[in-house]
Amino acid sequence: MDTSPVSDAECEALFACLEGAAHAGLAVSGGADSVALMELASRWRAQSGAEVPRLSVLSVDHGLREGSDKEAAWVAERAGALGLASVILRWEPGPKKNRIQADARQARYDLMADYAYAHGLDALVTAHHLDDQAETLLMRLGRGSGLDGLTAIPEKGCWAGLPVLRPFLDVPKARLKATLDALGKEWLEDPSNEDARFERVRLRRVLEELETLGLGAPELARSARRLRRARNALDRITGEFLRDHGQYDPAGFCRIETRALRDAPEEIGLRAMARMISAVGGRNSMPQLGKLEDLFKALNSNTETSLTLGGCQMIPGKEEILVLREPGRSGLGDITLNPGECRLWDNRYRVRLARDSGAPVQVRALGQRGYGELRARLGQAVSLPERAADGLVSFWREGSLVAVPPLGFHRGSGASADLVNPDLL
């Protein structure tokens, strides 16, 4: 495996993915790979002239161990030395201890996406590398993943509508460390990287043994790239199927023709349902394949019972199936929006309040009471499927409903709301 430092010439190709971006965020934890991202991106920007995006470093104080605040401060100091703006985002992990790594990952991306929308960033760049790709493929194999899972990590992804770019996916971690060594730069070591309680750590050790059999990270990553071609073809067919037989309503729910779903090839039907559930549920990953297969089987069995998966409620009907946002026990959460602010609500809506609005508003789900109030105010019927109001974005000021943009109700509030993934279907 190549262990040479990344050259300046290579940087030009690696960061070509940022072409067209005006302001990108670099996700930096302090580990070798993310510090290499910060160093190389800074050098690339300095050498490329004016036609490059602004760069801001985003670090998250996850609060999972003592000293996490100092690690985030170290990243901010390092960014400042490179002349880069930086921000520390903080997460309160709470008492839950199972699935802590998955929860922390979700929280990190949620925090960074919310910051991006609030501050005008149009892309997020992460330091995932070739070794991450191989480890992810092995993890997915162990779980019996289908095609999507085995394609591992895409070069370009999306989180709540925010493009996520990964320029290092073909670069071994050894090269990133060699780059820092050549530059005389330090990095932080995460103790959890040696904790065998975590699956990725165990697989990393197995991967070292597999390399002796010719099944190392480059070979696994190459398989993931080739599988991605097949996935991309199926995704295109799924998109065409949904354009013909489905609808993503601005009110945040989906419809799909019952007969069309039943007659579709199983793989296309599964993908169509997964895409709708991801869009409506505000999730940034597809449902587990086994659960999705069970759901698909039930929907095709002429059941009249509503079903749930991925933060959604599926309501079967003779002509169409509705996919609605399910609030869950804790609801969808409220946020306060100040004049001039743009935020992310429920990972589905980009919400804004005009600068001249005068006073803040609260953003929350409309709910049945709010829907009843809206219908009374408008003095006319408002067409909305039953329970869809439970997941519909609305704006309130001092306890009074002032806007439900997807239903055309604004009342001069200066509030707006747009789906972050309007073209997902």
Protein backbone atom coordinates (compact mmCIF):
# COMPACT_ATOMS: atom_id res chain seq x y z
CA MET A 1 0.00 0.00 0.00
CA ASP A 2 1.21 3.49 -0.88
CA THR A 3 2.31 5.39 2.24
CA SER A 4 3.67 8.54 0.59
CA PRO A 5 2.45 12.00 1.67
CA VAL A 6 -0.34 13.62 -0.34
CA SER A 7 1.23 16.07 -2.79
CA ASP A 8 0.09 19.58 -3.65
CA ALA A 9 -0.70 18.40 -7.18
CA GLU A 10 -3.02 15.73 -5.79
CA CYS A 11 -4.86 18.31 -3.70
CA GLU A 12 -6.10 20.02 -6.85
CA ALA A 13 -7.90 16.85 -7.92
CA LEU A 14 -9.03 15.88 -4.42
CA PHE A 15 -10.75 19.20 -3.74
CA ALA A 16 -12.23 19.60 -7.21
CA CYS A 17 -15.47 18.41 -5.58
CA LEU A 18 -15.76 21.88 -4.00
CA GLU A 19 -16.11 23.58 -7.36
CA GLY A 20 -19.15 25.83 -7.25
CA ALA A 21 -19.33 26.01 -3.44
CA ALA A 22 -19.21 29.46 -1.88
CA HIS A 23 -18.70 28.49 1.76
CA ALA A 24 -17.82 24.97 2.92
CA GLY A 25 -17.51 23.54 6.40
CA LEU A 26 -14.71 21.13 7.31
CA ALA A 27 -15.72 18.53 9.91
CA VAL A 28 -12.67 18.23 12.17
CA SER A 29 -12.46 16.13 15.34
CA GLY A 30 -8.72 16.38 15.94
CA GLY A 31 -7.83 12.89 14.71
CA ALA A 32 -5.16 12.38 12.07
CA ASP A 33 -7.54 12.10 9.13
CA SER A 34 -9.56 15.23 9.93
CA VAL A 35 -6.46 17.28 10.82
CA ALA A 36 -5.01 16.23 7.45
CA LEU A 37 -8.24 17.45 5.84
CA MET A 38 -7.87 20.84 7.53
CA GLU A 39 -4.17 21.16 6.65
CA LEU A 40 -4.52 20.06 3.03
CA ALA A 41 -7.67 22.08 2.38
CA SER A 42 -5.94 25.17 3.77
CA ARG A 43 -2.90 24.62 1.54
CA TRP A 44 -5.11 23.95 -1.50
CA ARG A 45 -7.05 27.15 -0.91
CA ALA A 46 -3.91 29.24 -0.51
CA GLN A 47 -2.46 27.89 -3.76
CA SER A 48 -5.63 28.06 -5.84
CA GLY A 49 -6.27 31.79 -5.81
CA ALA A 50 -9.55 33.64 -5.44
CA GLU A 51 -11.90 31.17 -7.15
CA VAL A 52 -12.24 28.89 -4.14
CA PRO A 53 -14.83 28.73 -1.36
CA ARG A 54 -14.51 30.15 2.11
CA LEU A 55 -13.65 27.43 4.61
CA SER A 56 -14.89 27.14 8.17
CA VAL A 57 -13.85 24.42 10.61
CA LEU A 58 -16.66 22.76 12.57
CA SER A 59 -15.81 20.71 15.63
CA VAL A 60 -18.22 19.07 18.05
CA ASP A 61 -17.70 18.80 21.80
CA HIS A 62 -19.57 15.52 22.24
CA GLY A 63 -19.29 15.42 26.03
CA LEU A 64 -18.77 11.64 26.06
CA ARG A 65 -15.52 11.72 28.01
CA GLU A 66 -13.54 14.07 30.18
CA GLY A 67 -11.46 16.46 28.12
CA SER A 68 -13.69 16.55 25.05
CA ASP A 69 -14.03 20.33 25.50
CA LYS A 70 -10.23 20.69 25.46
CA GLU A 71 -10.01 18.62 22.28
CA ALA A 72 -12.53 20.88 20.55
CA ALA A 73 -10.63 23.95 21.76
CA TRP A 74 -7.39 22.43 20.38
CA VAL A 75 -9.04 22.09 16.96
CA ALA A 76 -10.24 25.70 17.07
CA GLU A 77 -6.75 26.91 18.00
CA ARG A 78 -5.21 24.88 15.16
CA ALA A 79 -7.74 26.27 12.70
CA GLY A 80 -6.95 29.81 13.82
CA ALA A 81 -3.25 29.23 13.22
CA LEU A 82 -4.12 28.33 9.62
CA GLY A 83 -6.23 31.45 9.23
CA LEU A 84 -9.49 29.51 9.14
CA ALA A 85 -12.69 30.49 10.91
CA SER A 86 -13.92 27.90 13.38
CA VAL A 87 -16.82 27.09 15.66
CA ILE A 88 -17.34 24.60 18.48
CA LEU A 89 -20.75 22.92 18.53
CA ARG A 90 -21.83 21.22 21.75
CA TRP A 91 -23.95 18.13 22.28
CA GLU A 92 -25.51 16.93 25.52
CA PRO A 93 -25.49 13.12 25.21
CA GLY A 94 -27.97 12.42 28.02
CA PRO A 95 -28.21 9.19 30.06
CA LYS A 96 -28.65 6.72 27.18
CA LYS A 97 -25.55 4.52 26.81
CA ASN A 98 -26.48 1.87 24.24
CA ARG A 99 -25.93 2.82 20.59
CA ILE A 100 -23.87 5.73 21.86
CA GLN A 101 -21.61 5.91 18.81
CA ALA A 102 -24.56 5.89 16.41
CA ASP A 103 -26.36 8.52 18.49
CA ALA A 104 -23.22 10.67 18.63
CA ARG A 105 -22.80 10.45 14.85
CA GLN A 106 -26.44 11.48 14.32
CA ALA A 107 -26.03 14.39 16.73
CA ARG A 108 -22.77 15.59 15.11
CA TYR A 109 -24.29 15.74 11.66
CA ASP A 110 -27.52 17.32 12.93
CA LEU A 111 -25.55 20.04 14.71
CA MET A 112 -23.34 20.72 11.70
CA ALA A 113 -26.28 20.79 9.27
CA ASP A 114 -28.23 23.18 11.49
CA TYR A 115 -25.17 25.45 11.76
CA ALA A 116 -24.69 25.29 7.99
CA TYR A 117 -28.23 26.45 7.30
CA ALA A 118 -28.01 29.19 9.91
CA HIS A 119 -24.71 30.57 8.54
CA GLY A 120 -24.97 30.08 4.81
CA LEU A 121 -22.65 27.09 4.33
CA ASP A 122 -23.50 25.17 1.18
CA ALA A 123 -21.42 22.01 1.70
CA LEU A 124 -19.86 19.91 4.45
CA VAL A 125 -16.53 18.13 3.87
CA THR A 126 -15.50 15.09 5.91
CA ALA A 127 -12.25 13.12 6.09
CA HIS A 128 -13.56 9.60 5.51
CA HIS A 129 -10.80 7.62 3.83
CA LEU A 130 -10.14 4.32 2.10
CA ASP A 131 -9.75 2.38 5.37
CA ASP A 132 -13.13 3.68 6.55
CA GLN A 133 -14.61 2.46 3.29
CA ALA A 134 -13.24 -1.07 3.76
CA GLU A 135 -14.30 -1.26 7.42
CA THR A 136 -17.81 -0.11 6.54
CA LEU A 137 -18.12 -2.77 3.85
CA LEU A 138 -17.11 -5.48 6.34
CA MET A 139 -19.60 -4.17 8.91
CA ARG A 140 -22.39 -4.25 6.35
CA LEU A 141 -21.44 -7.78 5.25
CA GLY A 142 -21.76 -8.92 8.84
CA ARG A 143 -25.29 -7.53 8.99
CA GLY A 144 -26.43 -9.18 5.79
CA SER A 145 -26.82 -5.86 3.99
CA GLY A 146 -28.16 -5.63 0.46
CA LEU A 147 -26.66 -3.75 -2.44
CA ASP A 148 -26.99 -0.30 -0.90
CA GLY A 149 -25.19 -1.31 2.27
CA LEU A 150 -22.34 -2.97 0.38
CA THR A 151 -21.64 0.18 -1.61
CA ALA A 152 -20.41 1.53 1.75
CA ILE A 153 -19.66 5.29 1.82
CA PRO A 154 -20.48 7.48 -1.20
CA GLU A 155 -18.13 10.20 -2.44
CA LYS A 156 -21.01 12.65 -2.29
CA GLY A 157 -23.83 12.23 0.19
CA CYS A 158 -26.50 14.39 1.74
CA TRP A 159 -27.57 15.20 5.29
CA ALA A 160 -30.87 17.04 5.69
CA GLY A 161 -30.43 18.46 2.19
CA LEU A 162 -26.84 19.61 2.83
CA PRO A 163 -24.26 18.13 0.41
CA VAL A 164 -21.64 16.05 2.25
CA LEU A 165 -18.38 15.67 0.30
CA ARG A 166 -15.69 13.06 0.99
CA PRO A 167 -12.56 13.79 -1.08
CA PHE A 168 -10.30 11.21 0.66
CA LEU A 169 -12.27 8.02 -0.02
CA ASP A 170 -9.50 6.63 -2.25
CA VAL A 171 -6.70 7.76 0.07
CA PRO A 172 -5.35 5.29 2.69
CA LYS A 173 -5.16 6.58 6.25
CA ALA A 174 -1.43 5.79 6.21
CA ARG A 175 -0.95 8.47 3.56
CA LEU A 176 -2.84 11.05 5.62
CA LYS A 177 -0.63 10.32 8.62
CA ALA A 178 2.47 10.46 6.42
CA THR A 179 1.31 13.88 5.18
CA LEU A 180 1.10 15.22 8.73
CA ASP A 181 4.48 13.73 9.60
CA ALA A 182 6.04 15.39 6.54
CA LEU A 183 4.51 18.73 7.58
CA GLY A 184 5.62 18.28 11.19
CA LYS A 185 2.01 18.49 12.40
CA GLU A 186 0.48 16.77 15.40
CA TRP A 187 -2.94 15.26 15.90
CA LEU A 188 -5.05 13.89 18.75
CA GLU A 189 -5.57 10.20 19.44
CA ASP A 190 -9.11 9.13 20.33
CA PRO A 191 -8.97 6.47 23.11
CA SER A 192 -12.10 4.82 21.71
CA ASN A 193 -10.07 3.81 18.63
CA GLU A 194 -8.46 1.12 20.78
CA ASP A 195 -11.61 0.07 22.64
CA ALA A 196 -12.53 -3.45 21.49
CA ARG A 197 -16.10 -2.97 22.74
CA PHE A 198 -16.76 -1.10 19.50
CA GLU A 199 -17.41 -3.09 16.32
CA ARG A 200 -15.31 -0.88 14.07
CA VAL A 201 -12.26 -1.35 16.28
CA ARG A 202 -12.62 -5.14 16.17
CA LEU A 203 -13.03 -5.10 12.40
CA ARG A 204 -9.98 -2.89 12.01
CA ARG A 205 -7.90 -5.60 13.63
CA VAL A 206 -9.47 -8.28 11.42
CA LEU A 207 -8.71 -6.19 8.36
CA GLU A 208 -5.02 -6.28 9.22
CA GLU A 209 -5.14 -10.08 9.02
CA LEU A 210 -7.17 -10.07 5.80
CA GLU A 211 -4.50 -7.98 4.09
CA THR A 212 -2.15 -10.98 4.28
CA LEU A 213 -4.71 -12.91 2.19
CA GLY A 214 -4.94 -10.25 -0.48
CA LEU A 215 -8.23 -8.92 0.91
CA GLY A 216 -7.09 -5.56 2.15
CA ALA A 217 -8.66 -2.12 2.21
CA PRO A 218 -7.91 -1.25 -1.46
CA GLU A 219 -9.55 -4.45 -2.71
CA LEU A 220 -12.64 -4.02 -0.53
CA ALA A 221 -12.97 -0.36 -1.50
CA ARG A 222 -12.72 -1.29 -5.18
CA SER A 223 -15.61 -3.74 -4.77
CA ALA A 224 -17.68 -1.03 -3.10
CA ARG A 225 -17.05 1.33 -6.04
CA ARG A 226 -18.12 -1.30 -8.56
CA LEU A 227 -21.24 -2.19 -6.64
CA ARG A 228 -22.09 1.51 -6.60
CA ARG A 229 -22.53 1.45 -10.38
CA ALA A 230 -25.34 -1.08 -10.03
CA ARG A 231 -26.92 0.89 -7.21
CA ASN A 232 -26.85 4.11 -9.23
CA ALA A 233 -28.65 2.36 -12.10
CA LEU A 234 -31.36 1.04 -9.77
CA ASP A 235 -31.71 4.45 -8.13
CA ARG A 236 -32.35 6.01 -11.52
CA ILE A 237 -35.07 3.48 -12.31
CA THR A 238 -36.59 4.02 -8.85
CA GLY A 239 -36.67 7.77 -9.43
CA GLU A 240 -38.52 7.29 -12.72
CA PHE A 241 -40.99 4.93 -11.02
CA LEU A 242 -41.72 7.46 -8.28
CA ARG A 243 -42.16 10.32 -10.74
CA ASP A 244 -44.79 8.25 -12.54
CA HIS A 245 -46.59 6.78 -9.53
CA GLY A 246 -45.72 8.84 -6.41
CA GLN A 247 -45.94 12.37 -5.04
CA TYR A 248 -44.03 14.23 -2.33
CA ASP A 249 -46.38 16.89 -1.03
CA PRO A 250 -45.02 20.25 0.24
CA ALA A 251 -46.92 19.47 3.46
CA GLY A 252 -44.30 16.80 4.16
CA PHE A 253 -46.04 13.53 3.29
CA CYS A 254 -45.99 11.12 0.34
CA ARG A 255 -48.54 9.27 -1.75
CA ILE A 256 -47.92 6.23 -3.93
CA GLU A 257 -50.32 4.26 -6.10
CA THR A 258 -51.17 0.97 -4.42
CA ARG A 259 -51.41 -1.11 -7.60
CA ALA A 260 -48.21 0.33 -9.05
CA LEU A 261 -46.28 -0.58 -5.90
CA ARG A 262 -47.74 -4.08 -5.90
CA ASP A 263 -46.89 -4.64 -9.59
CA ALA A 264 -43.35 -3.21 -9.41
CA PRO A 265 -40.29 -5.48 -9.23
CA GLU A 266 -39.62 -6.14 -5.57
CA GLU A 267 -36.25 -4.36 -5.60
CA ILE A 268 -37.77 -1.21 -7.10
CA GLY A 269 -40.71 -1.33 -4.69
CA LEU A 270 -38.39 -1.66 -1.71
CA ARG A 271 -36.27 1.25 -2.89
CA ALA A 272 -39.33 3.40 -3.52
CA MET A 273 -40.65 2.80 0.01
CA ALA A 274 -37.20 3.37 1.52
CA ARG A 275 -36.84 6.68 -0.28
CA MET A 276 -40.26 7.90 0.84
CA ILE A 277 -39.68 6.85 4.45
CA SER A 278 -36.31 8.62 4.49
CA ALA A 279 -37.82 11.82 3.09
CA VAL A 280 -40.94 11.92 5.27
CA GLY A 281 -39.28 10.61 8.44
CA GLY A 282 -36.54 13.22 8.47
CA ARG A 283 -33.95 10.45 8.57
CA ASN A 284 -30.62 10.60 6.80
CA SER A 285 -30.24 6.87 6.35
CA MET A 286 -32.49 4.25 4.82
CA PRO A 287 -34.50 1.85 7.03
CA GLN A 288 -32.98 -1.52 7.90
CA LEU A 289 -33.48 -3.85 4.99
CA GLY A 290 -35.09 -6.65 7.04
CA LYS A 291 -37.68 -4.30 8.53
CA LEU A 292 -38.29 -2.75 5.13
CA GLU A 293 -38.89 -6.19 3.60
CA ASP A 294 -41.44 -7.00 6.33
CA LEU A 295 -43.20 -3.69 5.70
CA PHE A 296 -43.28 -4.22 1.94
CA LYS A 297 -44.70 -7.71 2.38
CA ALA A 298 -47.45 -6.41 4.67
CA LEU A 299 -48.37 -3.58 2.28
CA ASN A 300 -48.70 -6.07 -0.56
CA SER A 301 -50.93 -8.40 1.47
CA ASN A 302 -54.00 -6.13 1.17
CA THR A 303 -53.73 -5.18 4.84
CA GLU A 304 -55.92 -2.32 6.02
CA THR A 305 -53.87 -1.79 9.17
CA SER A 306 -51.57 1.22 9.41
CA LEU A 307 -47.89 0.37 9.80
CA THR A 308 -44.90 2.24 11.20
CA LEU A 309 -41.21 2.40 10.32
CA GLY A 310 -38.45 5.00 10.36
CA GLY A 311 -40.46 7.75 12.03
CA CYS A 312 -43.34 7.28 9.57
CA GLN A 313 -46.86 5.90 9.53
CA MET A 314 -47.99 4.05 6.40
CA ILE A 315 -51.76 4.09 5.80
CA PRO A 316 -52.80 1.57 3.11
CA GLY A 317 -55.72 2.35 0.85
CA LYS A 318 -57.34 0.75 -2.18
CA GLU A 319 -56.09 3.46 -4.54
CA GLU A 320 -53.03 4.84 -2.74
CA ILE A 321 -50.75 4.41 0.24
CA LEU A 322 -50.02 7.45 2.40
CA VAL A 323 -46.67 7.88 4.12
CA LEU A 324 -47.04 10.37 6.99
CA ARG A 325 -44.61 11.72 9.57
CA GLU A 326 -45.13 10.00 12.94
CA PRO A 327 -44.30 12.38 15.82
CA GLY A 328 -43.47 9.64 18.31
CA ARG A 329 -43.65 9.85 22.09
CA SER A 330 -41.51 12.98 22.40
CA GLY A 331 -43.04 14.85 19.47
CA LEU A 332 -41.01 16.64 16.83
CA GLY A 333 -39.47 19.36 18.97
CA ASP A 334 -39.82 23.15 19.01
CA ILE A 335 -37.26 25.76 18.02
CA THR A 336 -37.25 29.53 18.42
CA LEU A 337 -36.51 31.47 15.24
CA ASN A 338 -35.28 35.05 15.55
CA PRO A 339 -35.69 37.70 12.84
CA GLY A 340 -33.16 37.13 10.06
CA GLU A 341 -32.44 33.52 11.06
CA CYS A 342 -32.51 30.37 8.96
CA ARG A 343 -32.65 27.02 10.75
CA LEU A 344 -33.38 23.36 10.16
CA TRP A 345 -36.58 21.89 11.61
CA ASP A 346 -37.12 18.14 11.96
CA ASN A 347 -34.38 17.53 9.35
CA ARG A 348 -37.06 18.15 6.70
CA TYR A 349 -37.72 21.88 6.48
CA ARG A 350 -35.44 24.87 6.03
CA VAL A 351 -37.27 27.55 8.03
CA ARG A 352 -36.61 31.30 7.76
CA LEU A 353 -37.88 34.48 9.39
CA ALA A 354 -37.48 37.82 7.62
CA ARG A 355 -35.24 40.41 9.29
CA ASP A 356 -38.06 42.94 9.51
CA SER A 357 -40.42 40.54 11.28
CA GLY A 358 -40.10 42.36 14.58
CA ALA A 359 -40.30 39.45 17.01
CA PRO A 360 -39.23 35.80 17.21
CA VAL A 361 -41.53 32.91 16.37
CA GLN A 362 -41.74 29.35 17.64
CA VAL A 363 -41.56 26.60 15.04
CA ARG A 364 -43.40 23.38 15.86
CA ALA A 365 -45.70 20.75 14.41
CA LEU A 366 -49.17 22.10 13.60
CA GLY A 367 -51.06 19.22 15.23
CA GLN A 368 -54.78 18.58 15.21
CA ARG A 369 -55.67 21.59 17.36
CA GLY A 370 -53.64 23.91 15.19
CA TYR A 371 -55.20 22.41 12.08
CA GLY A 372 -58.67 23.01 13.49
CA GLU A 373 -57.72 26.61 14.31
CA LEU A 374 -56.37 27.13 10.80
CA ARG A 375 -59.54 25.83 9.17
CA ALA A 376 -61.65 28.08 11.38
CA ARG A 377 -59.54 31.12 10.49
CA LEU A 378 -59.58 30.50 6.78
CA GLY A 379 -63.30 29.85 6.85
CA GLN A 380 -62.92 27.13 4.27
CA ALA A 381 -61.94 23.50 3.95
CA VAL A 382 -58.21 22.82 3.84
CA SER A 383 -57.37 19.58 2.07
CA LEU A 384 -55.00 17.52 4.15
CA PRO A 385 -54.97 13.77 4.91
CA GLU A 386 -55.96 12.75 8.42
CA ARG A 387 -53.00 12.93 10.83
CA ALA A 388 -50.76 14.75 8.33
CA ALA A 389 -51.10 17.86 10.49
CA ASP A 390 -49.17 16.07 13.25
CA GLY A 391 -45.98 16.39 11.18
CA LEU A 392 -46.64 19.68 9.41
CA VAL A 393 -44.39 22.69 10.09
CA SER A 394 -46.08 25.77 11.58
CA PHE A 395 -45.07 29.12 13.09
CA TRP A 396 -46.46 30.63 16.30
CA ARG A 397 -45.99 33.97 18.04
CA GLU A 398 -47.11 34.50 21.63
CA GLY A 399 -49.37 31.47 21.44
CA SER A 400 -51.03 32.55 18.20
CA LEU A 401 -50.71 30.71 14.88
CA VAL A 402 -49.09 33.07 12.35
CA ALA A 403 -48.00 30.86 9.43
CA VAL A 404 -48.34 27.44 7.83
CA PRO A 405 -46.44 28.05 4.57
CA PRO A 406 -47.08 24.64 2.93
CA LEU A 407 -50.82 25.36 3.11
CA GLY A 408 -50.48 28.95 1.89
CA PHE A 409 -51.18 30.61 5.26
CA HIS A 410 -48.72 33.42 6.09
CA ARG A 411 -50.61 36.35 7.68
CA GLY A 412 -47.72 38.75 7.00
CA SER A 413 -45.46 36.87 9.41
CA GLY A 414 -42.34 36.93 7.24
CA ALA A 415 -41.94 33.20 7.89
CA SER A 416 -41.16 30.63 5.20
CA ALA A 417 -40.52 26.90 5.09
CA ASP A 418 -39.10 24.76 2.27
CA LEU A 419 -38.50 21.03 2.13
CA VAL A 420 -34.75 20.42 2.15
CA ASN A 421 -35.07 17.44 -0.22
CA PRO A 422 -37.90 18.49 -2.58
CA ASP A 423 -36.54 16.36 -5.42
CA LEU A 424 -35.75 13.27 -3.34
CA LEU A 425 -38.46 11.27 -5.07
